[in-house]
Amino acid sequence: MYDNKENNFKKKGLCISLCAALVCGLGIGGVYYKTNKSPQNDGTKLFSDSSAGRLSADADKKADSSNDKKTEENTENKTVTAGSGNVKNIKKNTKKASVKSAREKINEAKEENNKKDIVSNNENKKTNKAEKDKNKKQGKTVNTMSNDNSLKFDAEKGLVWPVGSSEKDIILKFSDSNTVYFKTLAQYKINPAVVIAAKTDEKVKAAAAGVVKSVKTDDETGTTVTVDIGSGYEVKYGQLKNLNVKTGQKIAKGEIVGHIAKPTKYYTLEGSNLYFEVTENGKSVDPLLLLK
């Protein structure tokens, strides 16, 4: 009997031990699950390996930092992109502004040049008009004087001596058929005028009233003044200087035309003189026939 009780007691102890072990195992298993399967607030596990935890934490930190970097990079890229867009826009606007300002400057320069051209053209027109008016007035004056009824040459009254007083003062006579000997040239030739001896600086008077047709310089006759005295007659005064008349001027009979100059190389041996030629309708005539 005693043996049966002992066996029962052993069986009960074994059952109790098994139950206690089971309960302990279940408790330990629950605690293990909670501590290892369930993460803590800081992301680590209670009974996990410290190096693994550190690696896991480092990995998480790296992931977070990489995410932060990506976010920052994305933000920077967006900022740079936006900034570059602004820069581009600023550059475009600057270029447009510079191009616009350059065009405006060019247009302003063109306008200034146009204004200057207009002013210059107006001034040229005024100058040309003034010159034309002056020429017209001179032409009208010459024509009026030439066609003036008072400007008529009376061949019977003739011409006054411009220098000298008689035929004895003539060095070379008129000749349209027979030749005349010229000492300086050492040759005979036709002479369409008379060469009257005169002193240098001696005054030359107008042989008749008329209008100065031209003032020219000739190698042979020097400074020569041609005067229209009307009725188809013209008088030429050569070997002159210090003129008192000009083209288009009306002169009266006996008025001073100029002064006797030194003779040209064609008359050096003949001495200082007045070259005096008279033409009727373009043909030379002997002045002695008209000088009175």
C-alpha atoms as a PDB file:
ATOM      1  CA  MET A   1       0.000   0.000   0.000  1.00  0.00           C
ATOM      2  CA  TYR A   2       2.735   2.266   0.837  1.00  0.00           C
ATOM      3  CA  ASP A   3       4.274   1.545  -2.543  1.00  0.00           C
ATOM      4  CA  ASN A   4       1.080   2.515  -4.368  1.00  0.00           C
ATOM      5  CA  LYS A   5       0.915   5.863  -2.610  1.00  0.00           C
ATOM      6  CA  GLU A   6       4.539   6.521  -3.441  1.00  0.00           C
ATOM      7  CA  ASN A   7       3.929   5.741  -7.086  1.00  0.00           C
ATOM      8  CA  ASN A   8       0.904   8.024  -7.190  1.00  0.00           C
ATOM      9  CA  PHE A   9       2.874  10.784  -5.568  1.00  0.00           C
ATOM     10  CA  LYS A  10       5.633  10.417  -8.143  1.00  0.00           C
ATOM     11  CA  LYS A  11       3.121  10.500 -10.955  1.00  0.00           C
ATOM     12  CA  LYS A  12       1.540  13.673  -9.543  1.00  0.00           C
ATOM     13  CA  GLY A  13       4.976  15.261  -9.134  1.00  0.00           C
ATOM     14  CA  LEU A  14       5.892  14.411 -12.677  1.00  0.00           C
ATOM     15  CA  CYS A  15       2.657  15.891 -13.988  1.00  0.00           C
ATOM     16  CA  ILE A  16       3.141  19.009 -11.932  1.00  0.00           C
ATOM     17  CA  SER A  17       6.736  19.302 -13.161  1.00  0.00           C
ATOM     18  CA  LEU A  18       5.624  18.893 -16.780  1.00  0.00           C
ATOM     19  CA  CYS A  19       2.890  21.468 -16.345  1.00  0.00           C
ATOM     20  CA  ALA A  20       5.278  23.876 -14.697  1.00  0.00           C
ATOM     21  CA  ALA A  21       7.819  23.352 -17.470  1.00  0.00           C
ATOM     22  CA  LEU A  22       5.109  23.869 -20.063  1.00  0.00           C
ATOM     23  CA  VAL A  23       3.950  27.056 -18.392  1.00  0.00           C
ATOM     24  CA  CYS A  24       7.517  28.282 -18.103  1.00  0.00           C
ATOM     25  CA  GLY A  25       8.135  27.442 -21.763  1.00  0.00           C
ATOM     26  CA  LEU A  26       4.991  29.279 -22.816  1.00  0.00           C
ATOM     27  CA  GLY A  27       5.959  32.331 -20.714  1.00  0.00           C
ATOM     28  CA  ILE A  28       9.489  32.393 -22.021  1.00  0.00           C
ATOM     29  CA  GLY A  29       8.185  31.917 -25.553  1.00  0.00           C
ATOM     30  CA  GLY A  30       5.761  34.851 -25.151  1.00  0.00           C
ATOM     31  CA  VAL A  31       8.403  37.076 -23.727  1.00  0.00           C
ATOM     32  CA  TYR A  32      10.804  36.111 -26.526  1.00  0.00           C
ATOM     33  CA  TYR A  33       8.187  36.822 -29.153  1.00  0.00           C
ATOM     34  CA  LYS A  34       7.367  40.148 -27.698  1.00  0.00           C
ATOM     35  CA  THR A  35      10.981  41.219 -27.337  1.00  0.00           C
ATOM     36  CA  ASN A  36      12.331  39.901 -30.648  1.00  0.00           C
ATOM     37  CA  LYS A  37       9.398  39.937 -33.021  1.00  0.00           C
ATOM     38  CA  SER A  38       7.999  43.216 -31.771  1.00  0.00           C
ATOM     39  CA  PRO A  39      10.441  46.273 -32.291  1.00  0.00           C
ATOM     40  CA  GLN A  40      11.148  48.781 -29.521  1.00  0.00           C
ATOM     41  CA  ASN A  41      10.610  52.510 -29.770  1.00  0.00           C
ATOM     42  CA  ASP A  42      14.216  53.104 -30.876  1.00  0.00           C
ATOM     43  CA  GLY A  43      13.975  50.455 -33.620  1.00  0.00           C
ATOM     44  CA  THR A  44      16.184  47.891 -31.841  1.00  0.00           C
ATOM     45  CA  LYS A  45      15.343  44.415 -30.457  1.00  0.00           C
ATOM     46  CA  LEU A  46      15.875  43.535 -26.836  1.00  0.00           C
ATOM     47  CA  PHE A  47      17.670  40.227 -27.202  1.00  0.00           C
ATOM     48  CA  SER A  48      19.084  40.712 -30.691  1.00  0.00           C
ATOM     49  CA  ASP A  49      22.787  40.740 -31.290  1.00  0.00           C
ATOM     50  CA  SER A  50      24.307  44.144 -30.572  1.00  0.00           C
ATOM     51  CA  SER A  51      26.311  44.240 -33.833  1.00  0.00           C
ATOM     52  CA  ALA A  52      23.262  43.244 -35.806  1.00  0.00           C
ATOM     53  CA  GLY A  53      21.293  45.926 -34.027  1.00  0.00           C
ATOM     54  CA  ARG A  54      23.938  48.501 -34.753  1.00  0.00           C
ATOM     55  CA  LEU A  55      24.101  47.438 -38.391  1.00  0.00           C
ATOM     56  CA  SER A  56      20.358  47.592 -38.601  1.00  0.00           C
ATOM     57  CA  ALA A  57      20.313  51.017 -36.963  1.00  0.00           C
ATOM     58  CA  ASP A  58      23.160  52.213 -39.180  1.00  0.00           C
ATOM     59  CA  ALA A  59      21.352  50.892 -42.230  1.00  0.00           C
ATOM     60  CA  ASP A  60      18.214  52.665 -41.142  1.00  0.00           C
ATOM     61  CA  LYS A  61      20.155  55.856 -40.525  1.00  0.00           C
ATOM     62  CA  LYS A  62      21.865  55.519 -43.895  1.00  0.00           C
ATOM     63  CA  ALA A  63      18.530  54.927 -45.545  1.00  0.00           C
ATOM     64  CA  ASP A  64      17.110  57.936 -43.785  1.00  0.00           C
ATOM     65  CA  SER A  65      20.152  60.040 -44.635  1.00  0.00           C
ATOM     66  CA  SER A  66      20.058  58.849 -48.250  1.00  0.00           C
ATOM     67  CA  ASN A  67      16.392  59.705 -48.382  1.00  0.00           C
ATOM     68  CA  ASP A  68      17.163  63.086 -46.862  1.00  0.00           C
ATOM     69  CA  LYS A  69      19.989  63.583 -49.354  1.00  0.00           C
ATOM     70  CA  LYS A  70      17.751  62.567 -52.217  1.00  0.00           C
ATOM     71  CA  THR A  71      15.124  64.948 -50.961  1.00  0.00           C
ATOM     72  CA  GLU A  72      17.730  67.706 -50.631  1.00  0.00           C
ATOM     73  CA  GLU A  73      19.174  66.854 -54.042  1.00  0.00           C
ATOM     74  CA  ASN A  74      15.729  66.886 -55.581  1.00  0.00           C
ATOM     75  CA  THR A  75      15.074  70.189 -53.860  1.00  0.00           C
ATOM     76  CA  GLU A  76      18.419  71.576 -55.028  1.00  0.00           C
ATOM     77  CA  ASN A  77      17.857  70.255 -58.546  1.00  0.00           C
ATOM     78  CA  LYS A  78      14.466  71.850 -58.590  1.00  0.00           C
ATOM     79  CA  THR A  79      15.958  75.047 -57.243  1.00  0.00           C
ATOM     80  CA  VAL A  80      18.794  74.945 -59.749  1.00  0.00           C
ATOM     81  CA  THR A  81      16.402  74.136 -62.531  1.00  0.00           C
ATOM     82  CA  ALA A  82      14.147  76.928 -61.487  1.00  0.00           C
ATOM     83  CA  GLY A  83      17.144  79.187 -61.016  1.00  0.00           C
ATOM     84  CA  SER A  84      18.593  78.261 -64.387  1.00  0.00           C
ATOM     85  CA  GLY A  85      15.221  78.965 -65.892  1.00  0.00           C
ATOM     86  CA  ASN A  86      15.248  82.354 -64.243  1.00  0.00           C
ATOM     87  CA  VAL A  87      18.804  82.933 -65.385  1.00  0.00           C
ATOM     88  CA  LYS A  88      17.824  81.928 -68.891  1.00  0.00           C
ATOM     89  CA  ASN A  89      14.839  84.188 -68.730  1.00  0.00           C
ATOM     90  CA  ILE A  90      17.010  86.965 -67.342  1.00  0.00           C
ATOM     91  CA  LYS A  91      19.574  86.359 -70.098  1.00  0.00           C
ATOM     92  CA  LYS A  92      16.850  86.278 -72.725  1.00  0.00           C
ATOM     93  CA  ASN A  93      15.317  89.427 -71.348  1.00  0.00           C
ATOM     94  CA  THR A  94      18.769  91.020 -71.141  1.00  0.00           C
ATOM     95  CA  LYS A  95      19.538  90.006 -74.722  1.00  0.00           C
ATOM     96  CA  LYS A  96      16.168  91.265 -75.872  1.00  0.00           C
ATOM     97  CA  ALA A  97      16.699  94.482 -73.969  1.00  0.00           C
ATOM     98  CA  SER A  98      20.222  94.898 -75.389  1.00  0.00           C
ATOM     99  CA  VAL A  99      19.037  94.107 -78.915  1.00  0.00           C
ATOM    100  CA  LYS A 100      16.157  96.473 -78.458  1.00  0.00           C
ATOM    101  CA  SER A 101      18.392  99.217 -77.128  1.00  0.00           C
ATOM    102  CA  ALA A 102      20.869  98.645 -79.984  1.00  0.00           C
ATOM    103  CA  ARG A 103      18.047  98.872 -82.506  1.00  0.00           C
ATOM    104  CA  GLU A 104      16.782 101.996 -80.839  1.00  0.00           C
ATOM    105  CA  LYS A 105      20.270 103.500 -81.010  1.00  0.00           C
ATOM    106  CA  ILE A 106      20.558 102.560 -84.681  1.00  0.00           C
ATOM    107  CA  ASN A 107      17.149 104.037 -85.384  1.00  0.00           C
ATOM    108  CA  GLU A 108      18.080 107.181 -83.483  1.00  0.00           C
ATOM    109  CA  ALA A 109      21.339 107.429 -85.434  1.00  0.00           C
ATOM    110  CA  LYS A 110      19.429 106.959 -88.689  1.00  0.00           C
ATOM    111  CA  GLU A 111      16.968 109.650 -87.670  1.00  0.00           C
ATOM    112  CA  GLU A 112      19.833 111.999 -86.805  1.00  0.00           C
ATOM    113  CA  ASN A 113      21.528 111.301 -90.148  1.00  0.00           C
ATOM    114  CA  ASN A 114      18.250 111.828 -91.957  1.00  0.00           C
ATOM    115  CA  LYS A 115      17.756 115.115 -90.145  1.00  0.00           C
ATOM    116  CA  LYS A 116      21.310 116.171 -91.013  1.00  0.00           C
ATOM    117  CA  ASP A 117      20.787 115.136 -94.642  1.00  0.00           C
ATOM    118  CA  ILE A 118      17.527 117.068 -94.756  1.00  0.00           C
ATOM    119  CA  VAL A 119      19.190 120.139 -93.258  1.00  0.00           C
ATOM    120  CA  SER A 120      22.160 119.773 -95.619  1.00  0.00           C
ATOM    121  CA  ASN A 121      19.867 119.328 -98.609  1.00  0.00           C
ATOM    122  CA  ASN A 122      17.852 122.354 -97.578  1.00  0.00           C
ATOM    123  CA  GLU A 123      21.016 124.391 -97.188  1.00  0.00           C
ATOM    124  CA  ASN A 124      22.305 123.170-100.557  1.00  0.00           C
ATOM    125  CA  LYS A 125      18.961 123.985-102.134  1.00  0.00           C
ATOM    126  CA  LYS A 126      19.054 127.438-100.610  1.00  0.00           C
ATOM    127  CA  THR A 127      22.638 127.942-101.780  1.00  0.00           C
ATOM    128  CA  ASN A 128      21.858 126.662-105.267  1.00  0.00           C
ATOM    129  CA  LYS A 129      18.754 128.794-105.403  1.00  0.00           C
ATOM    130  CA  ALA A 130      20.718 131.842-104.288  1.00  0.00           C
ATOM    131  CA  GLU A 131      23.389 131.130-106.902  1.00  0.00           C
ATOM    132  CA  LYS A 132      20.755 130.579-109.573  1.00  0.00           C
ATOM    133  CA  ASP A 133      19.002 133.785-108.600  1.00  0.00           C
ATOM    134  CA  LYS A 134      22.318 135.594-108.643  1.00  0.00           C
ATOM    135  CA  ASN A 135      23.202 134.140-112.047  1.00  0.00           C
ATOM    136  CA  LYS A 136      19.761 134.936-113.334  1.00  0.00           C
ATOM    137  CA  LYS A 137      20.040 138.478-112.074  1.00  0.00           C
ATOM    138  CA  GLN A 138      23.480 138.824-113.632  1.00  0.00           C
ATOM    139  CA  GLY A 139      22.246 137.241-116.835  1.00  0.00           C
ATOM    140  CA  LYS A 140      19.207 139.462-116.889  1.00  0.00           C
ATOM    141  CA  THR A 141      21.412 142.449-116.161  1.00  0.00           C
ATOM    142  CA  VAL A 142      23.807 141.568-118.959  1.00  0.00           C
ATOM    143  CA  ASN A 143      21.013 140.758-121.362  1.00  0.00           C
ATOM    144  CA  THR A 144      19.074 143.846-120.387  1.00  0.00           C
ATOM    145  CA  MET A 145      22.130 146.006-120.737  1.00  0.00           C
ATOM    146  CA  SER A 146      23.098 144.319-123.981  1.00  0.00           C
ATOM    147  CA  ASN A 147      19.598 144.716-125.352  1.00  0.00           C
ATOM    148  CA  ASP A 148      19.165 148.151-123.844  1.00  0.00           C
ATOM    149  CA  ASN A 149      18.227 150.705-126.479  1.00  0.00           C
ATOM    150  CA  SER A 150      20.637 153.154-124.860  1.00  0.00           C
ATOM    151  CA  LEU A 151      23.501 150.655-125.459  1.00  0.00           C
ATOM    152  CA  LYS A 152      24.090 151.481-129.093  1.00  0.00           C
ATOM    153  CA  PHE A 153      27.388 152.236-130.688  1.00  0.00           C
ATOM    154  CA  ASP A 154      27.445 155.160-133.055  1.00  0.00           C
ATOM    155  CA  ALA A 155      30.228 154.458-135.574  1.00  0.00           C
ATOM    156  CA  GLU A 156      30.156 158.087-136.753  1.00  0.00           C
ATOM    157  CA  LYS A 157      30.927 159.372-133.280  1.00  0.00           C
ATOM    158  CA  GLY A 158      33.524 156.638-132.987  1.00  0.00           C
ATOM    159  CA  LEU A 159      35.766 155.654-130.069  1.00  0.00           C
ATOM    160  CA  VAL A 160      37.915 157.717-127.718  1.00  0.00           C
ATOM    161  CA  TRP A 161      41.540 156.812-127.307  1.00  0.00           C
ATOM    162  CA  PRO A 162      41.934 154.446-124.318  1.00  0.00           C
ATOM    163  CA  VAL A 163      45.617 155.481-124.011  1.00  0.00           C
ATOM    164  CA  GLY A 164      47.718 157.817-126.099  1.00  0.00           C
ATOM    165  CA  SER A 165      46.134 160.413-128.326  1.00  0.00           C
ATOM    166  CA  SER A 166      47.087 159.801-131.926  1.00  0.00           C
ATOM    167  CA  GLU A 167      48.314 157.362-134.540  1.00  0.00           C
ATOM    168  CA  LYS A 168      51.929 158.210-133.675  1.00  0.00           C
ATOM    169  CA  ASP A 169      51.501 156.260-130.387  1.00  0.00           C
ATOM    170  CA  ILE A 170      50.783 153.013-132.264  1.00  0.00           C
ATOM    171  CA  ILE A 171      53.624 150.481-132.216  1.00  0.00           C
ATOM    172  CA  LEU A 172      52.001 147.843-134.418  1.00  0.00           C
ATOM    173  CA  LYS A 173      49.228 148.670-136.857  1.00  0.00           C
ATOM    174  CA  PHE A 174      46.199 146.632-137.768  1.00  0.00           C
ATOM    175  CA  SER A 175      46.619 144.220-140.711  1.00  0.00           C
ATOM    176  CA  ASP A 176      44.201 141.547-141.894  1.00  0.00           C
ATOM    177  CA  SER A 177      45.833 140.974-145.287  1.00  0.00           C
ATOM    178  CA  ASN A 178      49.397 142.281-145.203  1.00  0.00           C
ATOM    179  CA  THR A 179      51.726 140.932-142.521  1.00  0.00           C
ATOM    180  CA  VAL A 180      53.337 143.076-139.841  1.00  0.00           C
ATOM    181  CA  TYR A 181      56.832 142.537-138.422  1.00  0.00           C
ATOM    182  CA  PHE A 182      57.002 141.609-134.726  1.00  0.00           C
ATOM    183  CA  LYS A 183      60.458 142.354-133.258  1.00  0.00           C
ATOM    184  CA  THR A 184      60.152 140.040-130.261  1.00  0.00           C
ATOM    185  CA  LEU A 185      58.978 137.130-132.435  1.00  0.00           C
ATOM    186  CA  ALA A 186      61.334 138.143-135.251  1.00  0.00           C
ATOM    187  CA  GLN A 187      58.674 137.329-137.800  1.00  0.00           C
ATOM    188  CA  TYR A 188      55.916 138.798-139.931  1.00  0.00           C
ATOM    189  CA  LYS A 189      52.336 137.920-139.177  1.00  0.00           C
ATOM    190  CA  ILE A 190      48.795 139.228-139.370  1.00  0.00           C
ATOM    191  CA  ASN A 191      47.756 141.615-136.593  1.00  0.00           C
ATOM    192  CA  PRO A 192      43.983 141.767-135.795  1.00  0.00           C
ATOM    193  CA  ALA A 193      44.456 144.731-133.413  1.00  0.00           C
ATOM    194  CA  VAL A 194      46.547 147.786-132.822  1.00  0.00           C
ATOM    195  CA  VAL A 195      49.300 147.810-130.213  1.00  0.00           C
ATOM    196  CA  ILE A 196      49.451 151.222-128.551  1.00  0.00           C
ATOM    197  CA  ALA A 197      52.552 152.281-126.593  1.00  0.00           C
ATOM    198  CA  ALA A 198      51.843 153.056-122.945  1.00  0.00           C
ATOM    199  CA  LYS A 199      53.711 153.366-119.687  1.00  0.00           C
ATOM    200  CA  THR A 200      53.422 150.682-116.987  1.00  0.00           C
ATOM    201  CA  ASP A 201      50.683 151.549-114.457  1.00  0.00           C
ATOM    202  CA  GLU A 202      49.113 154.033-116.890  1.00  0.00           C
ATOM    203  CA  LYS A 203      45.315 154.140-116.678  1.00  0.00           C
ATOM    204  CA  VAL A 204      43.242 152.622-119.470  1.00  0.00           C
ATOM    205  CA  LYS A 205      39.920 154.334-120.252  1.00  0.00           C
ATOM    206  CA  ALA A 206      36.846 152.761-121.806  1.00  0.00           C
ATOM    207  CA  ALA A 207      36.727 153.713-125.495  1.00  0.00           C
ATOM    208  CA  ALA A 208      32.916 153.481-125.437  1.00  0.00           C
ATOM    209  CA  ALA A 209      30.103 152.732-123.030  1.00  0.00           C
ATOM    210  CA  GLY A 210      29.182 149.079-122.730  1.00  0.00           C
ATOM    211  CA  VAL A 211      28.917 145.946-120.603  1.00  0.00           C
ATOM    212  CA  VAL A 212      31.884 143.791-119.589  1.00  0.00           C
ATOM    213  CA  LYS A 213      31.392 140.501-121.399  1.00  0.00           C
ATOM    214  CA  SER A 214      34.399 138.584-120.109  1.00  0.00           C
ATOM    215  CA  VAL A 215      37.690 138.833-118.221  1.00  0.00           C
ATOM    216  CA  LYS A 216      40.323 136.310-119.320  1.00  0.00           C
ATOM    217  CA  THR A 217      44.062 135.701-119.151  1.00  0.00           C
ATOM    218  CA  ASP A 218      45.875 134.969-122.427  1.00  0.00           C
ATOM    219  CA  ASP A 219      49.521 133.989-122.967  1.00  0.00           C
ATOM    220  CA  GLU A 220      49.919 136.605-125.702  1.00  0.00           C
ATOM    221  CA  THR A 221      47.716 139.477-124.571  1.00  0.00           C
ATOM    222  CA  GLY A 222      47.850 138.882-120.795  1.00  0.00           C
ATOM    223  CA  THR A 223      44.791 139.903-118.768  1.00  0.00           C
ATOM    224  CA  THR A 224      42.196 140.808-121.357  1.00  0.00           C
ATOM    225  CA  VAL A 225      38.803 142.493-120.868  1.00  0.00           C
ATOM    226  CA  THR A 226      36.132 142.200-123.562  1.00  0.00           C
ATOM    227  CA  VAL A 227      33.357 144.825-123.560  1.00  0.00           C
ATOM    228  CA  ASP A 228      30.143 144.710-125.565  1.00  0.00           C
ATOM    229  CA  ILE A 229      29.462 148.281-126.767  1.00  0.00           C
ATOM    230  CA  GLY A 230      26.290 147.454-128.701  1.00  0.00           C
ATOM    231  CA  SER A 231      25.241 147.316-132.340  1.00  0.00           C
ATOM    232  CA  GLY A 232      27.339 144.162-132.845  1.00  0.00           C
ATOM    233  CA  TYR A 233      30.591 145.839-131.782  1.00  0.00           C
ATOM    234  CA  GLU A 234      32.976 144.549-129.115  1.00  0.00           C
ATOM    235  CA  VAL A 235      36.231 146.006-127.797  1.00  0.00           C
ATOM    236  CA  LYS A 236      39.138 144.061-126.283  1.00  0.00           C
ATOM    237  CA  TYR A 237      41.643 145.602-123.887  1.00  0.00           C
ATOM    238  CA  GLY A 238      44.796 143.503-123.369  1.00  0.00           C
ATOM    239  CA  GLN A 239      48.047 143.712-121.307  1.00  0.00           C
ATOM    240  CA  LEU A 240      46.155 144.928-118.210  1.00  0.00           C
ATOM    241  CA  LYS A 241      46.439 144.678-114.415  1.00  0.00           C
ATOM    242  CA  ASN A 242      44.646 146.106-111.385  1.00  0.00           C
ATOM    243  CA  LEU A 243      41.244 145.876-113.025  1.00  0.00           C
ATOM    244  CA  ASN A 244      38.414 148.166-111.932  1.00  0.00           C
ATOM    245  CA  VAL A 245      35.689 146.159-113.668  1.00  0.00           C
ATOM    246  CA  LYS A 246      34.231 142.660-113.558  1.00  0.00           C
ATOM    247  CA  THR A 247      32.063 140.453-115.723  1.00  0.00           C
ATOM    248  CA  GLY A 248      28.512 141.768-116.144  1.00  0.00           C
ATOM    249  CA  GLN A 249      29.406 145.284-115.052  1.00  0.00           C
ATOM    250  CA  LYS A 250      28.142 148.228-117.030  1.00  0.00           C
ATOM    251  CA  ILE A 251      30.773 150.864-117.729  1.00  0.00           C
ATOM    252  CA  ALA A 252      30.537 154.371-119.088  1.00  0.00           C
ATOM    253  CA  LYS A 253      32.587 155.959-121.810  1.00  0.00           C
ATOM    254  CA  GLY A 254      35.931 157.199-120.405  1.00  0.00           C
ATOM    255  CA  GLU A 255      35.603 155.086-117.204  1.00  0.00           C
ATOM    256  CA  ILE A 256      38.813 153.433-115.941  1.00  0.00           C
ATOM    257  CA  VAL A 257      38.988 149.775-117.010  1.00  0.00           C
ATOM    258  CA  GLY A 258      42.395 148.977-115.495  1.00  0.00           C
ATOM    259  CA  HIS A 259      46.104 149.757-115.653  1.00  0.00           C
ATOM    260  CA  ILE A 260      48.920 148.874-118.016  1.00  0.00           C
ATOM    261  CA  ALA A 261      50.923 145.818-116.972  1.00  0.00           C
ATOM    262  CA  LYS A 262      54.389 144.660-117.993  1.00  0.00           C
ATOM    263  CA  PRO A 263      54.389 143.242-121.523  1.00  0.00           C
ATOM    264  CA  THR A 264      54.084 139.513-122.059  1.00  0.00           C
ATOM    265  CA  LYS A 265      56.939 137.538-123.632  1.00  0.00           C
ATOM    266  CA  TYR A 266      55.397 138.172-127.058  1.00  0.00           C
ATOM    267  CA  TYR A 267      56.028 141.951-126.718  1.00  0.00           C
ATOM    268  CA  THR A 268      59.194 142.311-124.643  1.00  0.00           C
ATOM    269  CA  LEU A 269      61.069 144.240-127.335  1.00  0.00           C
ATOM    270  CA  GLU A 270      58.052 146.334-128.223  1.00  0.00           C
ATOM    271  CA  GLY A 271      57.802 147.473-124.597  1.00  0.00           C
ATOM    272  CA  SER A 272      54.789 148.044-122.396  1.00  0.00           C
ATOM    273  CA  ASN A 273      51.631 148.593-124.400  1.00  0.00           C
ATOM    274  CA  LEU A 274      47.861 148.243-124.698  1.00  0.00           C
ATOM    275  CA  TYR A 275      46.504 145.522-126.956  1.00  0.00           C
ATOM    276  CA  PHE A 276      43.385 147.137-128.466  1.00  0.00           C
ATOM    277  CA  GLU A 277      41.092 145.114-130.740  1.00  0.00           C
ATOM    278  CA  VAL A 278      37.656 145.967-132.198  1.00  0.00           C
ATOM    279  CA  THR A 279      35.276 143.440-133.783  1.00  0.00           C
ATOM    280  CA  GLU A 280      32.028 143.950-135.659  1.00  0.00           C
ATOM    281  CA  ASN A 281      29.741 140.913-135.613  1.00  0.00           C
ATOM    282  CA  GLY A 282      32.760 138.749-134.738  1.00  0.00           C
ATOM    283  CA  LYS A 283      35.038 140.112-137.465  1.00  0.00           C
ATOM    284  CA  SER A 284      38.087 142.248-136.651  1.00  0.00           C
ATOM    285  CA  VAL A 285      38.085 145.808-137.992  1.00  0.00           C
ATOM    286  CA  ASP A 286      40.778 148.480-137.993  1.00  0.00           C
ATOM    287  CA  PRO A 287      40.408 150.503-134.755  1.00  0.00           C
ATOM    288  CA  LEU A 288      41.954 153.542-136.435  1.00  0.00           C
ATOM    289  CA  LEU A 289      38.816 153.834-138.552  1.00  0.00           C
ATOM    290  CA  LEU A 290      36.797 154.382-135.361  1.00  0.00           C
ATOM    291  CA  LEU A 291      39.227 156.176-133.040  1.00  0.00           C
ATOM    292  CA  LYS A 292      38.598 159.913-132.929  1.00  0.00           C
END
